[in-house]
Protein backbone atom coordinates (compact mmCIF):
# COMPACT_ATOMS: atom_id res chain seq x y z
CA UNK A 1 226.22 132.21 -6.54
CA UNK A 2 229.96 132.56 -7.09
CA UNK A 3 232.15 129.77 -8.41
CA UNK A 4 234.01 129.85 -5.09
CA UNK A 5 230.78 129.19 -3.23
CA UNK A 6 229.97 126.24 -5.49
CA UNK A 7 233.39 124.70 -4.92
CA UNK A 8 233.11 125.26 -1.19
CA UNK A 9 229.72 123.56 -1.13
CA UNK A 10 231.16 120.57 -2.92
CA UNK A 11 233.03 119.61 0.22
CA UNK A 12 229.96 118.49 2.14
CA UNK A 13 226.32 119.15 2.94
CA UNK A 14 224.68 122.54 2.69
CA UNK A 15 223.95 122.37 6.42
CA UNK A 16 227.61 121.89 7.31
CA UNK A 17 228.71 124.69 5.00
CA UNK A 18 226.12 127.33 5.76
CA UNK A 19 224.86 126.53 9.25
CA UNK A 20 226.88 129.27 10.89
CA UNK A 21 227.45 129.63 14.60
CA UNK A 22 225.12 128.67 17.37
CA UNK A 23 223.62 125.40 16.13
CA UNK A 24 224.86 123.44 19.11
CA UNK A 25 224.18 126.16 21.66
CA UNK A 26 221.95 125.75 24.70
CA UNK A 27 218.26 126.39 24.83
CA UNK A 28 217.48 125.67 21.16
CA UNK A 29 214.53 123.51 22.14
CA UNK A 30 212.80 126.53 23.69
CA UNK A 31 209.92 127.87 21.61
CA UNK A 32 210.57 131.27 20.06
CA UNK A 33 207.87 133.72 19.01
CA UNK A 34 207.89 134.59 15.33
CA UNK A 35 207.08 137.82 13.51
CA UNK A 36 203.34 138.58 13.88
CA UNK A 37 202.73 138.34 10.12
CA UNK A 38 204.43 134.93 9.77
CA UNK A 39 202.52 132.75 7.31
CA UNK A 40 201.40 129.33 8.54
CA UNK A 41 199.74 127.50 5.70
CA UNK A 42 198.92 124.46 3.63
CA UNK A 43 199.19 124.22 -0.14
CA UNK A 44 197.34 122.73 -3.09
CA UNK A 45 197.66 123.04 -6.88
CA UNK A 46 194.74 123.40 -9.27
CA UNK A 47 195.30 120.37 -11.47
CA UNK A 48 196.12 118.17 -8.50
CA UNK A 49 192.93 118.87 -6.53
CA UNK A 50 190.27 120.49 -8.73
CA UNK A 51 189.43 117.67 -11.13
CA UNK A 52 188.26 117.79 -14.73
CA UNK A 53 191.01 120.07 -15.99
CA UNK A 54 190.30 118.93 -19.53
CA UNK A 55 191.89 121.82 -21.40
CA UNK A 56 195.36 121.34 -19.89
CA UNK A 57 198.47 119.77 -21.39
CA UNK A 58 198.64 117.24 -18.55
CA UNK A 59 195.10 116.01 -19.23
CA UNK A 60 196.16 115.25 -22.81
CA UNK A 61 199.29 113.43 -21.62
CA UNK A 62 197.38 111.38 -19.02
CA UNK A 63 194.88 110.00 -21.53
CA UNK A 64 197.17 108.77 -24.28
CA UNK A 65 199.16 105.57 -24.55
CA UNK A 66 201.89 105.04 -23.74
CA UNK A 67 202.24 107.39 -20.79
CA UNK A 68 204.11 107.57 -17.49
CA UNK A 69 201.05 108.12 -15.27
CA UNK A 70 199.82 105.45 -12.87
CA UNK A 71 196.29 106.79 -13.48
CA UNK A 72 194.68 109.94 -14.91
CA UNK A 73 193.79 112.82 -12.62
CA UNK A 74 190.05 112.45 -13.28
CA UNK A 75 187.95 114.15 -10.62
CA UNK A 76 190.99 114.60 -8.37
CA UNK A 77 189.59 115.84 -5.02
CA UNK A 78 186.69 117.73 -6.65
CA UNK A 79 188.04 120.88 -5.03
CA UNK A 80 186.73 123.04 -7.84
CA UNK A 81 183.33 122.53 -6.23
CA UNK A 82 184.41 121.81 -2.63
CA UNK A 83 186.86 124.68 -2.09
CA UNK A 84 184.82 126.13 0.77
CA UNK A 85 185.11 122.83 2.60
CA UNK A 86 188.86 122.83 2.03
CA UNK A 87 189.23 126.36 3.37
CA UNK A 88 187.18 125.46 6.41
CA UNK A 89 189.69 122.70 7.15
CA UNK A 90 192.57 125.19 6.92
CA UNK A 91 190.71 127.38 9.40
CA UNK A 92 189.95 124.42 11.67
CA UNK A 93 193.65 123.56 11.84
CA UNK A 94 194.45 127.06 13.03
CA UNK A 95 196.50 128.03 9.98
CA UNK A 96 196.39 131.59 8.66
CA UNK A 97 197.30 130.97 5.01
CA UNK A 98 196.06 128.84 2.11
CA UNK A 99 198.22 128.54 -0.98
CA UNK A 100 196.31 127.54 -4.11
CA UNK A 101 196.73 127.86 -7.85
CA UNK A 102 194.60 129.42 -10.55
CA UNK A 103 194.31 127.24 -13.65
CA UNK A 104 195.27 129.04 -16.83
CA UNK A 105 193.65 126.20 -18.79
CA UNK A 106 190.25 127.03 -17.29
CA UNK A 107 190.67 130.80 -17.51
CA UNK A 108 191.85 130.86 -21.15
CA UNK A 109 190.71 127.60 -22.77
CA UNK A 110 191.47 128.97 -26.26
CA UNK A 111 193.93 131.70 -27.28
CA UNK A 112 192.46 135.07 -26.34
CA UNK A 113 189.19 133.49 -25.14
CA UNK A 114 188.82 134.23 -21.44
CA UNK A 115 186.23 132.58 -19.23
CA UNK A 116 184.51 135.18 -17.07
CA UNK A 117 182.97 132.34 -15.05
CA UNK A 118 186.41 130.87 -14.26
CA UNK A 119 187.83 134.26 -13.30
CA UNK A 120 184.80 134.87 -11.07
CA UNK A 121 185.35 131.45 -9.50
CA UNK A 122 188.90 132.25 -8.44
CA UNK A 123 187.85 135.71 -7.24
CA UNK A 124 185.28 133.99 -5.00
CA UNK A 125 188.03 131.73 -3.65
CA UNK A 126 190.25 134.72 -2.84
CA UNK A 127 187.38 136.52 -1.14
CA UNK A 128 186.28 133.32 0.61
CA UNK A 129 189.68 133.00 2.24
CA UNK A 130 189.58 136.60 3.37
CA UNK A 131 186.14 136.12 4.89
CA UNK A 132 187.54 133.30 7.04
CA UNK A 133 190.53 135.36 8.12
CA UNK A 134 192.88 133.25 5.97
CA UNK A 135 195.49 134.84 3.72
CA UNK A 136 195.25 133.57 0.13
CA UNK A 137 198.63 132.84 -1.47
CA UNK A 138 198.18 132.59 -5.23
CA UNK A 139 200.23 130.55 -7.71
CA UNK A 140 199.73 131.86 -11.24
CA UNK A 141 201.31 128.84 -12.97
CA UNK A 142 201.71 125.48 -11.23
CA UNK A 143 203.22 123.30 -13.99
CA UNK A 144 200.16 122.84 -16.20
CA UNK A 145 199.46 125.09 -19.19
CA UNK A 146 196.59 125.18 -21.72
CA UNK A 147 196.88 122.49 -24.36
CA UNK A 148 196.90 125.18 -27.04
CA UNK A 149 199.92 126.80 -25.36
CA UNK A 150 201.77 123.47 -25.26
CA UNK A 151 200.89 122.95 -28.94
CA UNK A 152 202.59 126.25 -29.75
CA UNK A 153 205.84 124.98 -28.25
CA UNK A 154 205.13 125.89 -24.63
CA UNK A 155 208.08 127.29 -22.70
CA UNK A 156 210.50 126.40 -25.48
CA UNK A 157 209.30 129.34 -27.62
CA UNK A 158 210.16 132.93 -26.69
CA UNK A 159 207.13 134.27 -28.56
CA UNK A 160 204.86 132.49 -26.09
CA UNK A 161 205.87 134.81 -23.26
CA UNK A 162 203.32 137.34 -24.49
CA UNK A 163 200.52 134.79 -24.01
CA UNK A 164 201.54 134.32 -20.38
CA UNK A 165 201.74 138.06 -19.75
CA UNK A 166 198.24 138.55 -21.16
CA UNK A 167 196.94 135.83 -18.83
CA UNK A 168 198.73 137.26 -15.77
CA UNK A 169 197.43 140.77 -16.39
CA UNK A 170 193.85 139.59 -16.92
CA UNK A 171 193.97 137.37 -13.81
CA UNK A 172 195.51 140.09 -11.64
CA UNK A 173 192.67 142.46 -12.56
CA UNK A 174 190.04 139.82 -11.84
CA UNK A 175 191.35 138.49 -8.51
CA UNK A 176 190.87 141.73 -6.60
CA UNK A 177 192.86 142.97 -3.63
CA UNK A 178 192.18 140.39 -0.92
CA UNK A 179 195.51 138.61 -1.31
CA UNK A 180 199.00 139.81 -0.48
CA UNK A 181 201.38 137.13 -1.87
CA UNK A 182 201.79 135.38 -5.19
CA UNK A 183 204.12 133.16 -7.20
CA UNK A 184 204.54 133.50 -10.94
CA UNK A 185 205.85 129.92 -11.32
CA UNK A 186 206.00 126.80 -9.22
CA UNK A 187 209.43 125.11 -9.38
CA UNK A 188 210.56 126.14 -12.88
CA UNK A 189 213.87 124.40 -12.10
CA UNK A 190 212.22 121.03 -11.41
CA UNK A 191 212.84 119.49 -14.84
CA UNK A 192 216.54 120.20 -14.49
CA UNK A 193 216.55 118.79 -10.96
CA UNK A 194 214.70 115.65 -12.02
CA UNK A 195 217.21 115.03 -14.80
CA UNK A 196 219.76 114.16 -12.10
CA UNK A 197 217.53 111.50 -10.52
CA UNK A 198 218.00 107.88 -11.69
CA UNK A 199 214.32 107.05 -11.14
CA UNK A 200 213.16 109.88 -13.35
CA UNK A 201 215.70 109.03 -16.03
CA UNK A 202 214.17 105.55 -16.14
CA UNK A 203 210.70 106.98 -16.79
CA UNK A 204 211.79 109.62 -19.30
CA UNK A 205 211.24 107.36 -22.33
CA UNK A 206 207.60 106.95 -21.30
CA UNK A 207 207.18 110.71 -20.85
CA UNK A 208 208.83 111.31 -24.21
CA UNK A 209 206.57 108.79 -25.94
CA UNK A 210 203.57 110.40 -24.28
CA UNK A 211 204.69 113.83 -25.43
CA UNK A 212 205.03 112.54 -29.00
CA UNK A 213 201.56 110.98 -28.83
CA UNK A 214 200.14 114.25 -27.47
CA UNK A 215 201.73 116.20 -30.31
CA UNK A 216 200.04 113.92 -32.79
CA UNK A 217 196.72 114.11 -30.97
CA UNK A 218 196.61 117.92 -31.01
CA UNK A 219 198.04 118.20 -34.50
CA UNK A 220 201.28 119.91 -33.57
CA UNK A 221 204.90 118.94 -34.03
CA UNK A 222 205.95 121.37 -31.28
CA UNK A 223 203.91 120.08 -28.30
CA UNK A 224 205.96 120.82 -25.19
CA UNK A 225 204.90 119.80 -21.69
CA UNK A 226 206.54 119.83 -18.25
CA UNK A 227 208.71 117.95 -17.36
CA UNK A 228 209.45 116.59 -20.83
CA UNK A 229 210.44 119.88 -22.40
CA UNK A 230 214.02 120.84 -23.16
CA UNK A 231 214.88 122.36 -19.77
CA UNK A 232 218.01 124.08 -21.05
CA UNK A 233 216.01 125.83 -23.78
CA UNK A 234 213.02 126.59 -21.53
CA UNK A 235 214.89 128.00 -18.52
CA UNK A 236 215.92 131.39 -19.94
CA UNK A 237 212.51 131.81 -21.54
CA UNK A 238 210.71 131.12 -18.26
CA UNK A 239 213.12 133.38 -16.40
CA UNK A 240 212.28 136.22 -18.78
CA UNK A 241 208.58 135.40 -18.48
CA UNK A 242 208.92 135.57 -14.70
CA UNK A 243 210.55 139.00 -14.74
CA UNK A 244 208.04 140.43 -17.17
CA UNK A 245 205.08 138.81 -15.39
CA UNK A 246 206.07 140.48 -12.13
CA UNK A 247 206.05 143.82 -13.95
CA UNK A 248 202.64 143.07 -15.50
CA UNK A 249 201.07 141.96 -12.22
CA UNK A 250 202.55 144.82 -10.23
CA UNK A 251 201.21 147.28 -12.76
CA UNK A 252 197.81 146.13 -11.51
CA UNK A 253 198.77 145.38 -7.88
CA UNK A 254 201.88 147.37 -6.92
CA UNK A 255 201.49 146.34 -3.27
CA UNK A 256 201.58 142.60 -4.01
CA UNK A 257 204.51 140.54 -2.69
CA UNK A 258 205.72 138.43 -5.62
CA UNK A 259 208.34 135.76 -6.25
CA UNK A 260 208.68 132.23 -7.57
CA UNK A 261 209.29 128.92 -5.84
CA UNK A 262 212.26 126.64 -6.41
CA UNK A 263 212.63 122.90 -5.92
CA UNK A 264 215.62 122.67 -3.55
CA UNK A 265 217.18 119.53 -2.10
CA UNK A 266 219.88 119.46 0.56
CA UNK A 267 222.55 118.82 -2.04
CA UNK A 268 225.46 116.81 -0.63
CA UNK A 269 228.65 115.70 -2.37
CA UNK A 270 229.33 112.05 -3.10
CA UNK A 271 232.84 110.61 -3.53
CA UNK A 272 233.46 112.77 -6.61
CA UNK A 273 232.60 116.42 -5.71
CA UNK A 274 232.67 117.55 -9.33
CA UNK A 275 229.14 116.23 -9.80
CA UNK A 276 227.79 118.54 -7.12
CA UNK A 277 229.46 121.53 -8.74
CA UNK A 278 227.89 120.73 -12.10
CA UNK A 279 224.46 120.06 -10.60
CA UNK A 280 224.38 123.36 -8.73
CA UNK A 281 225.41 125.26 -11.85
CA UNK A 282 222.76 123.42 -13.90
CA UNK A 283 219.80 123.34 -11.52
CA UNK A 284 220.13 126.37 -9.25
CA UNK A 285 222.54 129.12 -10.28
CA UNK A 286 220.43 130.55 -13.16
CA UNK A 287 217.37 130.73 -10.93
CA UNK A 288 219.21 132.28 -8.00
CA UNK A 289 220.08 135.05 -10.43
CA UNK A 290 216.50 135.27 -11.71
CA UNK A 291 215.05 136.01 -8.24
CA UNK A 292 217.64 138.63 -7.31
CA UNK A 293 215.07 141.48 -7.30
CA UNK A 294 212.00 139.55 -6.12
CA UNK A 295 210.16 140.34 -2.90
CA UNK A 296 210.90 136.82 -1.64
CA UNK A 297 211.92 133.39 -2.86
CA UNK A 298 209.84 130.27 -2.22
CA UNK A 299 211.81 127.24 -1.02
CA UNK A 300 210.30 123.79 -1.64
CA UNK A 301 212.17 120.99 0.09
CA UNK A 302 211.42 117.30 0.61
CA UNK A 303 214.81 115.81 1.46
CA UNK A 304 218.45 115.51 0.52
CA UNK A 305 220.34 114.36 -2.55
CA UNK A 306 223.78 112.78 -2.44
CA UNK A 307 225.25 113.70 -5.82
CA UNK A 308 227.50 111.39 -7.81
CA UNK A 309 229.66 112.32 -10.75
CA UNK A 310 226.84 112.16 -13.31
CA UNK A 311 223.63 111.77 -11.29
CA UNK A 312 222.22 111.51 -7.78
CA UNK A 313 223.14 108.37 -5.86
CA UNK A 314 220.45 106.01 -4.51
CA UNK A 315 219.42 106.53 -0.86
CA UNK A 316 221.84 104.86 1.54
CA UNK A 317 221.02 101.27 2.42
CA UNK A 318 218.91 100.81 5.53
CA UNK A 319 217.42 104.32 5.69
CA UNK A 320 213.70 104.92 6.06
CA UNK A 321 212.05 105.54 2.69
CA UNK A 322 208.91 107.49 1.87
CA UNK A 323 206.19 106.49 -0.58
CA UNK A 324 208.07 108.56 -3.15
CA UNK A 325 211.10 106.27 -2.71
CA UNK A 326 213.10 109.11 -1.17
CA UNK A 327 214.89 109.17 2.15
CA UNK A 328 212.98 110.36 5.22
CA UNK A 329 215.15 113.38 5.96
CA UNK A 330 213.39 116.34 7.63
CA UNK A 331 216.67 118.05 8.55
CA UNK A 332 217.02 119.04 4.89
CA UNK A 333 214.82 122.10 5.35
CA UNK A 334 217.23 123.92 7.64
CA UNK A 335 220.07 123.40 5.17
CA UNK A 336 218.13 124.56 2.10
CA UNK A 337 216.62 127.62 3.76
CA UNK A 338 220.06 128.78 4.96
CA UNK A 339 221.60 128.11 1.54
CA UNK A 340 218.96 129.85 -0.56
CA UNK A 341 218.79 132.87 1.75
CA UNK A 342 222.56 133.29 1.55
CA UNK A 343 222.82 132.62 -2.18
CA UNK A 344 220.01 134.99 -3.20
CA UNK A 345 219.96 137.61 -0.47
CA UNK A 346 216.16 137.44 -0.53
CA UNK A 347 213.66 136.76 2.27
CA UNK A 348 212.49 133.15 2.27
CA UNK A 349 209.02 131.63 2.46
CA UNK A 350 208.89 127.86 2.73
CA UNK A 351 206.20 127.38 0.11
CA UNK A 352 206.27 123.55 0.23
CA UNK A 353 207.64 120.97 2.67
CA UNK A 354 206.17 117.57 3.40
CA UNK A 355 206.45 113.80 3.22
CA UNK A 356 204.62 111.00 1.40
CA UNK A 357 203.55 108.38 3.93
CA UNK A 358 200.52 106.41 5.09
CA UNK A 359 201.83 106.54 8.69
CA UNK A 360 200.67 109.90 9.97
CA UNK A 361 202.86 109.62 13.05
CA UNK A 362 205.84 109.86 10.70
CA UNK A 363 204.35 112.99 9.16
CA UNK A 364 204.13 114.48 12.65
CA UNK A 365 207.79 113.56 13.20
CA UNK A 366 208.70 115.09 9.83
CA UNK A 367 206.95 118.34 10.73
CA UNK A 368 208.70 118.48 14.10
CA UNK A 369 212.10 117.80 12.57
CA UNK A 370 211.63 120.32 9.79
CA UNK A 371 210.38 123.06 12.08
CA UNK A 372 213.12 122.49 14.64
CA UNK A 373 215.70 123.18 11.95
CA UNK A 374 213.72 126.14 10.64
CA UNK A 375 213.68 127.57 14.16
CA UNK A 376 217.46 127.30 14.39
CA UNK A 377 217.86 129.12 11.08
CA UNK A 378 215.52 131.91 12.20
CA UNK A 379 217.35 132.17 15.54
CA UNK A 380 220.57 132.74 13.62
CA UNK A 381 219.01 135.61 11.70
CA UNK A 382 217.78 134.01 8.46
CA UNK A 383 214.83 136.06 7.20
CA UNK A 384 212.07 133.43 6.98
CA UNK A 385 208.55 134.76 6.59
CA UNK A 386 206.38 131.66 6.37
CA UNK A 387 205.99 127.89 6.40
CA UNK A 388 203.45 126.33 4.03
CA UNK A 389 203.05 122.56 4.18
CA UNK A 390 202.52 120.31 1.19
CA UNK A 391 199.86 119.33 1.01
CA UNK A 392 196.47 120.15 2.45
CA UNK A 393 194.89 117.08 0.83
CA UNK A 394 195.88 113.63 -0.35
CA UNK A 395 195.75 114.53 -4.04
CA UNK A 396 196.91 113.67 -7.54
CA UNK A 397 200.70 113.36 -7.47
CA UNK A 398 201.49 113.44 -11.18
CA UNK A 399 203.03 110.22 -12.48
CA UNK A 400 202.36 108.52 -9.11
CA UNK A 401 198.70 109.51 -9.38
CA UNK A 402 197.03 108.66 -6.05
CA UNK A 403 199.65 106.28 -4.68
CA UNK A 404 201.55 108.89 -2.63
CA UNK A 405 199.82 110.54 0.33
CA UNK A 406 201.25 113.93 1.32
CA UNK A 407 198.06 115.35 2.83
CA UNK A 408 197.20 116.71 6.25
CA UNK A 409 193.69 115.63 5.25
CA UNK A 410 192.65 112.27 3.80
CA UNK A 411 190.24 112.22 0.85
CA UNK A 412 187.98 109.27 0.07
CA UNK A 413 188.45 108.52 -3.63
CA UNK A 414 184.75 107.62 -4.11
CA UNK A 415 182.81 110.03 -1.87
CA UNK A 416 185.41 112.84 -1.64
CA UNK A 417 184.83 112.89 2.09
CA UNK A 418 187.59 114.80 3.87
CA UNK A 419 189.04 113.47 7.13
CA UNK A 420 191.44 115.53 9.18
CA UNK A 421 194.62 113.67 10.16
CA UNK A 422 196.32 114.24 13.53
CA UNK A 423 199.21 115.87 11.67
CA UNK A 424 196.92 118.68 10.55
CA UNK A 425 195.99 119.60 14.10
CA UNK A 426 199.61 119.11 15.15
CA UNK A 427 200.83 121.68 12.63
CA UNK A 428 198.02 123.95 13.76
CA UNK A 429 199.39 124.00 17.30
CA UNK A 430 202.58 125.58 16.01
CA UNK A 431 200.54 128.08 14.06
CA UNK A 432 198.30 129.05 16.98
CA UNK A 433 201.33 129.60 19.18
CA UNK A 434 203.21 131.32 16.32
CA UNK A 435 206.44 129.98 17.75
CA UNK A 436 209.17 127.44 17.16
């Protein structure tokens, strides 16, 4: 993005700046058919649903004191064993896509030691989706890394790129050909984005203490774990890893559509617009450049941020808040999709969008609001190729553990029984009609 664009954006919301003509025109409520290959999906992440991911950096962090986690991940949703049940729910909803992650920590529990059983497991998941007529959408790295990788300095060490490339190549060969889309990384800009949030800044000392304890526990003075790592140091290393991983994966699967996903808020200027300029340059601009040659860019949006001079401002008084203490603001998706498409020139897939709430009627309202805006963007010519909701299940939400419910499906924490929520079937009606 050019400096002129950043300054222009500082004058107001992304929606106001980039909406373009036609937003107030007649007939926008009419449902519009989408491209026949439009992806309608729900998403999960390995560590957040599988359970027992004992060889990961996060597992180490969760089980030491002090730490910033409300509870450890434990068995999560036991999806490592119940993945067929989860896919059946995706099918029951009427969705045509299931986004899930493969866990590097399971596949390569020690440097150079690959688990054939784990690779076979994820191959069965890919093929299981295909058998149900669901398109698998694979995330190669969704935050967590093997504890041995974190002990080597994680994403703060350039030499570690080669470890990631070896993993990507081995996984690409094992997963077969029954999937068409993949992400190298999930939200590699998240640590930078979080650094602008007052709530996260308040918890950073606990994360830092946990990281120090983890370093001691694994016998390394370089232990580096998301989101505690030095984001400024890690960003160019991950960007290079992303570019080289795409080359490595496409050497195996040249037909595969590949990109990465970015955490994107509807960034709006507070009283001092200079803060917004700095935040965009810090959080987004390097990554917009990194995806310039990708097949698509994944947009992951949960709301807006009003940016002060040095950090994001608290939500306005009196607004509806989610369980994540963020503003209920579904209109953010339209703004972020328009912005990212214009800034990168790449096709967009909404790879995550959702809301943390125990009131499923509000989730239905959030879906409707988000998709209405997405429909307006598509009507105006924005190249959007899919909408994947976060999340399929009520799962482990990192430092909030199990206290934030994003799922289209409820999960009993004792029996692991899955219960479809009305919002899941509601989203499925959009998918079956393939229209907005």
